[in-house]
mmCIF file of all heavy atoms, coordinates in Angstrom:
data_MODEL
# 
_entry.id   MODEL 
# 
loop_
_atom_site.group_PDB 
_atom_site.id 
_atom_site.type_symbol 
_atom_site.label_atom_id 
_atom_site.label_alt_id 
_atom_site.label_comp_id 
_atom_site.label_asym_id 
_atom_site.label_entity_id 
_atom_site.label_seq_id 
_atom_site.pdbx_PDB_ins_code 
_atom_site.Cartn_x 
_atom_site.Cartn_y 
_atom_site.Cartn_z 
_atom_site.occupancy 
_atom_site.B_iso_or_equiv 
_atom_site.pdbx_formal_charge 
_atom_site.auth_seq_id 
_atom_site.auth_comp_id 
_atom_site.auth_asym_id 
_atom_site.auth_atom_id 
_atom_site.pdbx_PDB_model_num 
ATOM 1   N N   . ALA A 1 1  ? -0.894 3.458  1.051  1.00 0.00 ? 1  ALA A N   1 
ATOM 2   C CA  . ALA A 1 1  ? -1.596 3.496  -0.236 1.00 0.00 ? 1  ALA A CA  1 
ATOM 3   C C   . ALA A 1 1  ? -3.038 3.000  -0.094 1.00 0.00 ? 1  ALA A C   1 
ATOM 4   O O   . ALA A 1 1  ? -3.928 3.454  -0.817 1.00 0.00 ? 1  ALA A O   1 
ATOM 5   C CB  . ALA A 1 1  ? -0.852 2.661  -1.277 1.00 0.00 ? 1  ALA A CB  1 
ATOM 6   N N   . GLU A 1 2  ? -3.277 2.087  0.841  1.00 0.00 ? 2  GLU A N   1 
ATOM 7   C CA  . GLU A 1 2  ? -4.625 1.572  1.097  1.00 0.00 ? 2  GLU A CA  1 
ATOM 8   C C   . GLU A 1 2  ? -5.433 2.500  1.997  1.00 0.00 ? 2  GLU A C   1 
ATOM 9   O O   . GLU A 1 2  ? -6.616 2.266  2.226  1.00 0.00 ? 2  GLU A O   1 
ATOM 10  C CB  . GLU A 1 2  ? -4.555 0.197  1.769  1.00 0.00 ? 2  GLU A CB  1 
ATOM 11  C CG  . GLU A 1 2  ? -4.068 -0.906 0.873  1.00 0.00 ? 2  GLU A CG  1 
ATOM 12  C CD  . GLU A 1 2  ? -4.061 -2.263 1.570  1.00 0.00 ? 2  GLU A CD  1 
ATOM 13  O OE1 . GLU A 1 2  ? -4.299 -2.336 2.798  1.00 0.00 ? 2  GLU A OE1 1 
ATOM 14  O OE2 . GLU A 1 2  ? -3.808 -3.249 0.870  1.00 0.00 ? 2  GLU A OE2 1 
ATOM 15  N N   . GLY A 1 3  ? -4.777 3.524  2.567  1.00 0.00 ? 3  GLY A N   1 
ATOM 16  C CA  . GLY A 1 3  ? -5.465 4.450  3.450  1.00 0.00 ? 3  GLY A CA  1 
ATOM 17  C C   . GLY A 1 3  ? -5.483 4.040  4.909  1.00 0.00 ? 3  GLY A C   1 
ATOM 18  O O   . GLY A 1 3  ? -6.165 4.666  5.721  1.00 0.00 ? 3  GLY A O   1 
ATOM 19  N N   . ASP A 1 4  ? -4.735 3.007  5.268  1.00 0.00 ? 4  ASP A N   1 
ATOM 20  C CA  . ASP A 1 4  ? -4.669 2.567  6.665  1.00 0.00 ? 4  ASP A CA  1 
ATOM 21  C C   . ASP A 1 4  ? -3.470 3.251  7.319  1.00 0.00 ? 4  ASP A C   1 
ATOM 22  O O   . ASP A 1 4  ? -2.396 2.678  7.456  1.00 0.00 ? 4  ASP A O   1 
ATOM 23  C CB  . ASP A 1 4  ? -4.541 1.040  6.748  1.00 0.00 ? 4  ASP A CB  1 
ATOM 24  C CG  . ASP A 1 4  ? -4.740 0.516  8.160  1.00 0.00 ? 4  ASP A CG  1 
ATOM 25  O OD1 . ASP A 1 4  ? -4.512 1.283  9.128  1.00 0.00 ? 4  ASP A OD1 1 
ATOM 26  O OD2 . ASP A 1 4  ? -5.106 -0.665 8.294  1.00 0.00 ? 4  ASP A OD2 1 
ATOM 27  N N   . GLU A 1 5  ? -3.689 4.499  7.724  1.00 0.00 ? 5  GLU A N   1 
ATOM 28  C CA  . GLU A 1 5  ? -2.592 5.313  8.236  1.00 0.00 ? 5  GLU A CA  1 
ATOM 29  C C   . GLU A 1 5  ? -2.077 4.812  9.578  1.00 0.00 ? 5  GLU A C   1 
ATOM 30  O O   . GLU A 1 5  ? -0.895 4.976  9.883  1.00 0.00 ? 5  GLU A O   1 
ATOM 31  C CB  . GLU A 1 5  ? -2.987 6.785  8.318  1.00 0.00 ? 5  GLU A CB  1 
ATOM 32  C CG  . GLU A 1 5  ? -1.841 7.723  8.615  1.00 0.00 ? 5  GLU A CG  1 
ATOM 33  C CD  . GLU A 1 5  ? -0.603 7.517  7.732  1.00 0.00 ? 5  GLU A CD  1 
ATOM 34  O OE1 . GLU A 1 5  ? -0.722 7.342  6.507  1.00 0.00 ? 5  GLU A OE1 1 
ATOM 35  O OE2 . GLU A 1 5  ? 0.530  7.540  8.285  1.00 0.00 ? 5  GLU A OE2 1 
ATOM 36  N N   . SER A 1 6  ? -2.918 4.189  10.387 1.00 0.00 ? 6  SER A N   1 
ATOM 37  C CA  . SER A 1 6  ? -2.422 3.704  11.678 1.00 0.00 ? 6  SER A CA  1 
ATOM 38  C C   . SER A 1 6  ? -1.407 2.583  11.472 1.00 0.00 ? 6  SER A C   1 
ATOM 39  O O   . SER A 1 6  ? -0.359 2.567  12.121 1.00 0.00 ? 6  SER A O   1 
ATOM 40  C CB  . SER A 1 6  ? -3.561 3.261  12.590 1.00 0.00 ? 6  SER A CB  1 
ATOM 41  O OG  . SER A 1 6  ? -4.202 2.112  12.082 1.00 0.00 ? 6  SER A OG  1 
ATOM 42  N N   . LEU A 1 7  ? -1.691 1.642  10.556 1.00 0.00 ? 7  LEU A N   1 
ATOM 43  C CA  . LEU A 1 7  ? -0.708 0.595  10.263 1.00 0.00 ? 7  LEU A CA  1 
ATOM 44  C C   . LEU A 1 7  ? 0.513  1.182  9.569  1.00 0.00 ? 7  LEU A C   1 
ATOM 45  O O   . LEU A 1 7  ? 1.644  0.783  9.853  1.00 0.00 ? 7  LEU A O   1 
ATOM 46  C CB  . LEU A 1 7  ? -1.323 -0.502 9.391  1.00 0.00 ? 7  LEU A CB  1 
ATOM 47  C CG  . LEU A 1 7  ? -2.060 -1.617 10.105 1.00 0.00 ? 7  LEU A CG  1 
ATOM 48  C CD1 . LEU A 1 7  ? -2.624 -2.612 9.101  1.00 0.00 ? 7  LEU A CD1 1 
ATOM 49  C CD2 . LEU A 1 7  ? -1.173 -2.326 11.104 1.00 0.00 ? 7  LEU A CD2 1 
ATOM 50  N N   . ALA A 1 8  ? 0.293  2.116  8.665  1.00 0.00 ? 8  ALA A N   1 
ATOM 51  C CA  . ALA A 1 8  ? 1.417  2.730  7.948  1.00 0.00 ? 8  ALA A CA  1 
ATOM 52  C C   . ALA A 1 8  ? 2.363  3.428  8.922  1.00 0.00 ? 8  ALA A C   1 
ATOM 53  O O   . ALA A 1 8  ? 3.590  3.268  8.829  1.00 0.00 ? 8  ALA A O   1 
ATOM 54  C CB  . ALA A 1 8  ? 0.904  3.715  6.900  1.00 0.00 ? 8  ALA A CB  1 
ATOM 55  N N   . ALA A 1 9  ? 1.811  4.174  9.868  1.00 0.00 ? 9  ALA A N   1 
ATOM 56  C CA  . ALA A 1 9  ? 2.644  4.896  10.835 1.00 0.00 ? 9  ALA A CA  1 
ATOM 57  C C   . ALA A 1 9  ? 3.419  3.925  11.722 1.00 0.00 ? 9  ALA A C   1 
ATOM 58  O O   . ALA A 1 9  ? 4.612  4.132  11.990 1.00 0.00 ? 9  ALA A O   1 
ATOM 59  C CB  . ALA A 1 9  ? 1.777  5.817  11.692 1.00 0.00 ? 9  ALA A CB  1 
ATOM 60  N N   . LEU A 1 10 ? 2.752  2.874  12.177 1.00 0.00 ? 10 LEU A N   1 
ATOM 61  C CA  . LEU A 1 10 ? 3.435  1.877  12.998 1.00 0.00 ? 10 LEU A CA  1 
ATOM 62  C C   . LEU A 1 10 ? 4.592  1.259  12.229 1.00 0.00 ? 10 LEU A C   1 
ATOM 63  O O   . LEU A 1 10 ? 5.710  1.168  12.740 1.00 0.00 ? 10 LEU A O   1 
ATOM 64  C CB  . LEU A 1 10 ? 2.464  0.783  13.440 1.00 0.00 ? 10 LEU A CB  1 
ATOM 65  C CG  . LEU A 1 10 ? 3.122  -0.379 14.177 1.00 0.00 ? 10 LEU A CG  1 
ATOM 66  C CD1 . LEU A 1 10 ? 3.599  0.051  15.555 1.00 0.00 ? 10 LEU A CD1 1 
ATOM 67  C CD2 . LEU A 1 10 ? 2.173  -1.556 14.267 1.00 0.00 ? 10 LEU A CD2 1 
ATOM 68  N N   . TYR A 1 11 ? 4.343  0.862  10.994 1.00 0.00 ? 11 TYR A N   1 
ATOM 69  C CA  . TYR A 1 11 ? 5.392  0.203  10.229 1.00 0.00 ? 11 TYR A CA  1 
ATOM 70  C C   . TYR A 1 11 ? 6.510  1.146  9.817  1.00 0.00 ? 11 TYR A C   1 
ATOM 71  O O   . TYR A 1 11 ? 7.660  0.730  9.705  1.00 0.00 ? 11 TYR A O   1 
ATOM 72  C CB  . TYR A 1 11 ? 4.801  -0.577 9.053  1.00 0.00 ? 11 TYR A CB  1 
ATOM 73  C CG  . TYR A 1 11 ? 4.279  -1.909 9.527  1.00 0.00 ? 11 TYR A CG  1 
ATOM 74  C CD1 . TYR A 1 11 ? 2.930  -2.199 9.544  1.00 0.00 ? 11 TYR A CD1 1 
ATOM 75  C CD2 . TYR A 1 11 ? 5.154  -2.862 10.040 1.00 0.00 ? 11 TYR A CD2 1 
ATOM 76  C CE1 . TYR A 1 11 ? 2.464  -3.408 10.019 1.00 0.00 ? 11 TYR A CE1 1 
ATOM 77  C CE2 . TYR A 1 11 ? 4.699  -4.070 10.527 1.00 0.00 ? 11 TYR A CE2 1 
ATOM 78  C CZ  . TYR A 1 11 ? 3.359  -4.334 10.516 1.00 0.00 ? 11 TYR A CZ  1 
ATOM 79  O OH  . TYR A 1 11 ? 2.916  -5.537 11.004 1.00 0.00 ? 11 TYR A OH  1 
ATOM 80  N N   . ARG A 1 12 ? 6.214  2.419  9.644  1.00 0.00 ? 12 ARG A N   1 
ATOM 81  C CA  . ARG A 1 12 ? 7.298  3.385  9.398  1.00 0.00 ? 12 ARG A CA  1 
ATOM 82  C C   . ARG A 1 12 ? 8.220  3.450  10.617 1.00 0.00 ? 12 ARG A C   1 
ATOM 83  O O   . ARG A 1 12 ? 9.445  3.396  10.490 1.00 0.00 ? 12 ARG A O   1 
ATOM 84  C CB  . ARG A 1 12 ? 6.735  4.778  9.098  1.00 0.00 ? 12 ARG A CB  1 
ATOM 85  C CG  . ARG A 1 12 ? 6.418  5.014  7.643  1.00 0.00 ? 12 ARG A CG  1 
ATOM 86  C CD  . ARG A 1 12 ? 6.146  6.487  7.345  1.00 0.00 ? 12 ARG A CD  1 
ATOM 87  N NE  . ARG A 1 12 ? 4.969  7.010  8.018  1.00 0.00 ? 12 ARG A NE  1 
ATOM 88  C CZ  . ARG A 1 12 ? 3.714  6.875  7.576  1.00 0.00 ? 12 ARG A CZ  1 
ATOM 89  N NH1 . ARG A 1 12 ? 3.464  6.230  6.460  1.00 0.00 ? 12 ARG A NH1 1 
ATOM 90  N NH2 . ARG A 1 12 ? 2.711  7.385  8.264  1.00 0.00 ? 12 ARG A NH2 1 
ATOM 91  N N   . ALA A 1 13 ? 7.634  3.580  11.787 1.00 0.00 ? 13 ALA A N   1 
ATOM 92  C CA  . ALA A 1 13 ? 8.430  3.682  13.022 1.00 0.00 ? 13 ALA A CA  1 
ATOM 93  C C   . ALA A 1 13 ? 9.218  2.394  13.276 1.00 0.00 ? 13 ALA A C   1 
ATOM 94  O O   . ALA A 1 13 ? 10.409 2.446  13.604 1.00 0.00 ? 13 ALA A O   1 
ATOM 95  C CB  . ALA A 1 13 ? 7.514  3.993  14.204 1.00 0.00 ? 13 ALA A CB  1 
ATOM 96  N N   . LEU A 1 14 ? 8.575  1.248  13.118 1.00 0.00 ? 14 LEU A N   1 
ATOM 97  C CA  . LEU A 1 14 ? 9.269  -0.012 13.348 1.00 0.00 ? 14 LEU A CA  1 
ATOM 98  C C   . LEU A 1 14 ? 10.354 -0.247 12.298 1.00 0.00 ? 14 LEU A C   1 
ATOM 99  O O   . LEU A 1 14 ? 11.424 -0.778 12.609 1.00 0.00 ? 14 LEU A O   1 
ATOM 100 C CB  . LEU A 1 14 ? 8.279  -1.173 13.373 1.00 0.00 ? 14 LEU A CB  1 
ATOM 101 C CG  . LEU A 1 14 ? 7.257  -1.160 14.513 1.00 0.00 ? 14 LEU A CG  1 
ATOM 102 C CD1 . LEU A 1 14 ? 6.326  -2.359 14.409 1.00 0.00 ? 14 LEU A CD1 1 
ATOM 103 C CD2 . LEU A 1 14 ? 7.928  -1.108 15.867 1.00 0.00 ? 14 LEU A CD2 1 
ATOM 104 N N   . GLY A 1 15 ? 10.094 0.148  11.073 1.00 0.00 ? 15 GLY A N   1 
ATOM 105 C CA  . GLY A 1 15 ? 11.106 0.014  10.021 1.00 0.00 ? 15 GLY A CA  1 
ATOM 106 C C   . GLY A 1 15 ? 12.346 0.836  10.323 1.00 0.00 ? 15 GLY A C   1 
ATOM 107 O O   . GLY A 1 15 ? 13.475 0.373  10.117 1.00 0.00 ? 15 GLY A O   1 
ATOM 108 N N   . ASP A 1 16 ? 12.151 2.044  10.825 1.00 0.00 ? 16 ASP A N   1 
ATOM 109 C CA  . ASP A 1 16 ? 13.297 2.884  11.201 1.00 0.00 ? 16 ASP A CA  1 
ATOM 110 C C   . ASP A 1 16 ? 14.123 2.220  12.298 1.00 0.00 ? 16 ASP A C   1 
ATOM 111 O O   . ASP A 1 16 ? 15.358 2.261  12.278 1.00 0.00 ? 16 ASP A O   1 
ATOM 112 C CB  . ASP A 1 16 ? 12.828 4.261  11.669 1.00 0.00 ? 16 ASP A CB  1 
ATOM 113 C CG  . ASP A 1 16 ? 12.290 5.128  10.537 1.00 0.00 ? 16 ASP A CG  1 
ATOM 114 O OD1 . ASP A 1 16 ? 12.504 4.781  9.356  1.00 0.00 ? 16 ASP A OD1 1 
ATOM 115 O OD2 . ASP A 1 16 ? 11.632 6.145  10.854 1.00 0.00 ? 16 ASP A OD2 1 
ATOM 116 N N   . ALA A 1 17 ? 13.453 1.598  13.253 1.00 0.00 ? 17 ALA A N   1 
ATOM 117 C CA  . ALA A 1 17 ? 14.164 0.917  14.336 1.00 0.00 ? 17 ALA A CA  1 
ATOM 118 C C   . ALA A 1 17 ? 14.967 -0.261 13.789 1.00 0.00 ? 17 ALA A C   1 
ATOM 119 O O   . ALA A 1 17 ? 16.118 -0.476 14.195 1.00 0.00 ? 17 ALA A O   1 
ATOM 120 C CB  . ALA A 1 17 ? 13.178 0.441  15.399 1.00 0.00 ? 17 ALA A CB  1 
ATOM 121 N N   . GLU A 1 18 ? 14.390 -1.021 12.872 1.00 0.00 ? 18 GLU A N   1 
ATOM 122 C CA  . GLU A 1 18 ? 15.100 -2.163 12.294 1.00 0.00 ? 18 GLU A CA  1 
ATOM 123 C C   . GLU A 1 18 ? 16.361 -1.703 11.556 1.00 0.00 ? 18 GLU A C   1 
ATOM 124 O O   . GLU A 1 18 ? 17.389 -2.389 11.597 1.00 0.00 ? 18 GLU A O   1 
ATOM 125 C CB  . GLU A 1 18 ? 14.192 -2.942 11.345 1.00 0.00 ? 18 GLU A CB  1 
ATOM 126 C CG  . GLU A 1 18 ? 12.937 -3.511 11.981 1.00 0.00 ? 18 GLU A CG  1 
ATOM 127 C CD  . GLU A 1 18 ? 13.208 -4.434 13.149 1.00 0.00 ? 18 GLU A CD  1 
ATOM 128 O OE1 . GLU A 1 18 ? 13.826 -5.492 12.938 1.00 0.00 ? 18 GLU A OE1 1 
ATOM 129 O OE2 . GLU A 1 18 ? 12.802 -4.099 14.278 1.00 0.00 ? 18 GLU A OE2 1 
ATOM 130 N N   . ASP A 1 19 ? 16.292 -0.558 10.913 1.00 0.00 ? 19 ASP A N   1 
ATOM 131 C CA  . ASP A 1 19 ? 17.462 -0.010 10.226 1.00 0.00 ? 19 ASP A CA  1 
ATOM 132 C C   . ASP A 1 19 ? 18.575 0.292  11.236 1.00 0.00 ? 19 ASP A C   1 
ATOM 133 O O   . ASP A 1 19 ? 19.738 -0.052 11.010 1.00 0.00 ? 19 ASP A O   1 
ATOM 134 C CB  . ASP A 1 19 ? 17.056 1.250  9.456  1.00 0.00 ? 19 ASP A CB  1 
ATOM 135 C CG  . ASP A 1 19 ? 18.156 1.761  8.548  1.00 0.00 ? 19 ASP A CG  1 
ATOM 136 O OD1 . ASP A 1 19 ? 18.874 0.942  7.932  1.00 0.00 ? 19 ASP A OD1 1 
ATOM 137 O OD2 . ASP A 1 19 ? 18.309 2.995  8.447  1.00 0.00 ? 19 ASP A OD2 1 
ATOM 138 N N   . ARG A 1 20 ? 18.227 0.905  12.352 1.00 0.00 ? 20 ARG A N   1 
ATOM 139 C CA  . ARG A 1 20 ? 19.214 1.178  13.408 1.00 0.00 ? 20 ARG A CA  1 
ATOM 140 C C   . ARG A 1 20 ? 19.801 -0.114 13.955 1.00 0.00 ? 20 ARG A C   1 
ATOM 141 O O   . ARG A 1 20 ? 21.005 -0.203 14.200 1.00 0.00 ? 20 ARG A O   1 
ATOM 142 C CB  . ARG A 1 20 ? 18.578 1.966  14.557 1.00 0.00 ? 20 ARG A CB  1 
ATOM 143 C CG  . ARG A 1 20 ? 18.283 3.405  14.277 1.00 0.00 ? 20 ARG A CG  1 
ATOM 144 C CD  . ARG A 1 20 ? 17.920 4.190  15.529 1.00 0.00 ? 20 ARG A CD  1 
ATOM 145 N NE  . ARG A 1 20 ? 17.034 3.496  16.456 1.00 0.00 ? 20 ARG A NE  1 
ATOM 146 C CZ  . ARG A 1 20 ? 15.699 3.474  16.383 1.00 0.00 ? 20 ARG A CZ  1 
ATOM 147 N NH1 . ARG A 1 20 ? 15.087 4.097  15.398 1.00 0.00 ? 20 ARG A NH1 1 
ATOM 148 N NH2 . ARG A 1 20 ? 14.987 2.816  17.294 1.00 0.00 ? 20 ARG A NH2 1 
ATOM 149 N N   . HIS A 1 21 ? 18.956 -1.112 14.132 1.00 0.00 ? 21 HIS A N   1 
ATOM 150 C CA  . HIS A 1 21 ? 19.425 -2.392 14.668 1.00 0.00 ? 21 HIS A CA  1 
ATOM 151 C C   . HIS A 1 21 ? 20.408 -3.059 13.708 1.00 0.00 ? 21 HIS A C   1 
ATOM 152 O O   . HIS A 1 21 ? 21.428 -3.612 14.141 1.00 0.00 ? 21 HIS A O   1 
ATOM 153 C CB  . HIS A 1 21 ? 18.251 -3.331 14.936 1.00 0.00 ? 21 HIS A CB  1 
ATOM 154 C CG  . HIS A 1 21 ? 17.285 -2.817 15.942 1.00 0.00 ? 21 HIS A CG  1 
ATOM 155 N ND1 . HIS A 1 21 ? 16.054 -3.396 16.144 1.00 0.00 ? 21 HIS A ND1 1 
ATOM 156 C CD2 . HIS A 1 21 ? 17.350 -1.776 16.812 1.00 0.00 ? 21 HIS A CD2 1 
ATOM 157 C CE1 . HIS A 1 21 ? 15.403 -2.732 17.091 1.00 0.00 ? 21 HIS A CE1 1 
ATOM 158 N NE2 . HIS A 1 21 ? 16.172 -1.743 17.510 1.00 0.00 ? 21 HIS A NE2 1 
ATOM 159 N N   . ALA A 1 22 ? 20.100 -3.014 12.423 1.00 0.00 ? 22 ALA A N   1 
ATOM 160 C CA  . ALA A 1 22 ? 21.000 -3.620 11.424 1.00 0.00 ? 22 ALA A CA  1 
ATOM 161 C C   . ALA A 1 22 ? 22.377 -2.968 11.495 1.00 0.00 ? 22 ALA A C   1 
ATOM 162 O O   . ALA A 1 22 ? 23.405 -3.658 11.483 1.00 0.00 ? 22 ALA A O   1 
ATOM 163 C CB  . ALA A 1 22 ? 20.404 -3.481 10.028 1.00 0.00 ? 22 ALA A CB  1 
ATOM 164 N N   . GLU A 1 23 ? 22.407 -1.662 11.581 1.00 0.00 ? 23 GLU A N   1 
ATOM 165 C CA  . GLU A 1 23 ? 23.689 -0.956 11.643 1.00 0.00 ? 23 GLU A CA  1 
ATOM 166 C C   . GLU A 1 23 ? 24.436 -1.256 12.939 1.00 0.00 ? 23 GLU A C   1 
ATOM 167 O O   . GLU A 1 23 ? 25.664 -1.365 12.940 1.00 0.00 ? 23 GLU A O   1 
ATOM 168 C CB  . GLU A 1 23 ? 23.480 0.548  11.468 1.00 0.00 ? 23 GLU A CB  1 
ATOM 169 C CG  . GLU A 1 23 ? 23.139 0.932  10.045 1.00 0.00 ? 23 GLU A CG  1 
ATOM 170 C CD  . GLU A 1 23 ? 24.176 0.457  9.026  1.00 0.00 ? 23 GLU A CD  1 
ATOM 171 O OE1 . GLU A 1 23 ? 25.392 0.581  9.285  1.00 0.00 ? 23 GLU A OE1 1 
ATOM 172 O OE2 . GLU A 1 23 ? 23.760 -0.064 7.972  1.00 0.00 ? 23 GLU A OE2 1 
ATOM 173 N N   . LEU A 1 24 ? 23.712 -1.401 14.032 1.00 0.00 ? 24 LEU A N   1 
ATOM 174 C CA  . LEU A 1 24 ? 24.346 -1.742 15.310 1.00 0.00 ? 24 LEU A CA  1 
ATOM 175 C C   . LEU A 1 24 ? 25.019 -3.109 15.225 1.00 0.00 ? 24 LEU A C   1 
ATOM 176 O O   . LEU A 1 24 ? 26.187 -3.265 15.598 1.00 0.00 ? 24 LEU A O   1 
ATOM 177 C CB  . LEU A 1 24 ? 23.312 -1.727 16.435 1.00 0.00 ? 24 LEU A CB  1 
ATOM 178 C CG  . LEU A 1 24 ? 23.789 -2.278 17.783 1.00 0.00 ? 24 LEU A CG  1 
ATOM 179 C CD1 . LEU A 1 24 ? 24.936 -1.456 18.334 1.00 0.00 ? 24 LEU A CD1 1 
ATOM 180 C CD2 . LEU A 1 24 ? 22.636 -2.342 18.756 1.00 0.00 ? 24 LEU A CD2 1 
ATOM 181 N N   . TYR A 1 25 ? 24.306 -4.093 14.729 1.00 0.00 ? 25 TYR A N   1 
ATOM 182 C CA  . TYR A 1 25 ? 24.891 -5.434 14.588 1.00 0.00 ? 25 TYR A CA  1 
ATOM 183 C C   . TYR A 1 25 ? 26.098 -5.408 13.649 1.00 0.00 ? 25 TYR A C   1 
ATOM 184 O O   . TYR A 1 25 ? 27.117 -6.038 13.921 1.00 0.00 ? 25 TYR A O   1 
ATOM 185 C CB  . TYR A 1 25 ? 23.856 -6.431 14.076 1.00 0.00 ? 25 TYR A CB  1 
ATOM 186 C CG  . TYR A 1 25 ? 22.943 -6.975 15.141 1.00 0.00 ? 25 TYR A CG  1 
ATOM 187 C CD1 . TYR A 1 25 ? 21.573 -6.742 15.092 1.00 0.00 ? 25 TYR A CD1 1 
ATOM 188 C CD2 . TYR A 1 25 ? 23.426 -7.753 16.179 1.00 0.00 ? 25 TYR A CD2 1 
ATOM 189 C CE1 . TYR A 1 25 ? 20.720 -7.268 16.052 1.00 0.00 ? 25 TYR A CE1 1 
ATOM 190 C CE2 . TYR A 1 25 ? 22.589 -8.279 17.150 1.00 0.00 ? 25 TYR A CE2 1 
ATOM 191 C CZ  . TYR A 1 25 ? 21.228 -8.033 17.085 1.00 0.00 ? 25 TYR A CZ  1 
ATOM 192 O OH  . TYR A 1 25 ? 20.402 -8.552 18.045 1.00 0.00 ? 25 TYR A OH  1 
# 
């Protein structure tokens, strides 16, 4: 929303990984 697409893309990818990790645990 702030226009910082590089941070947004990083956090989208990392967020997806955290979701997988939660399900694994």
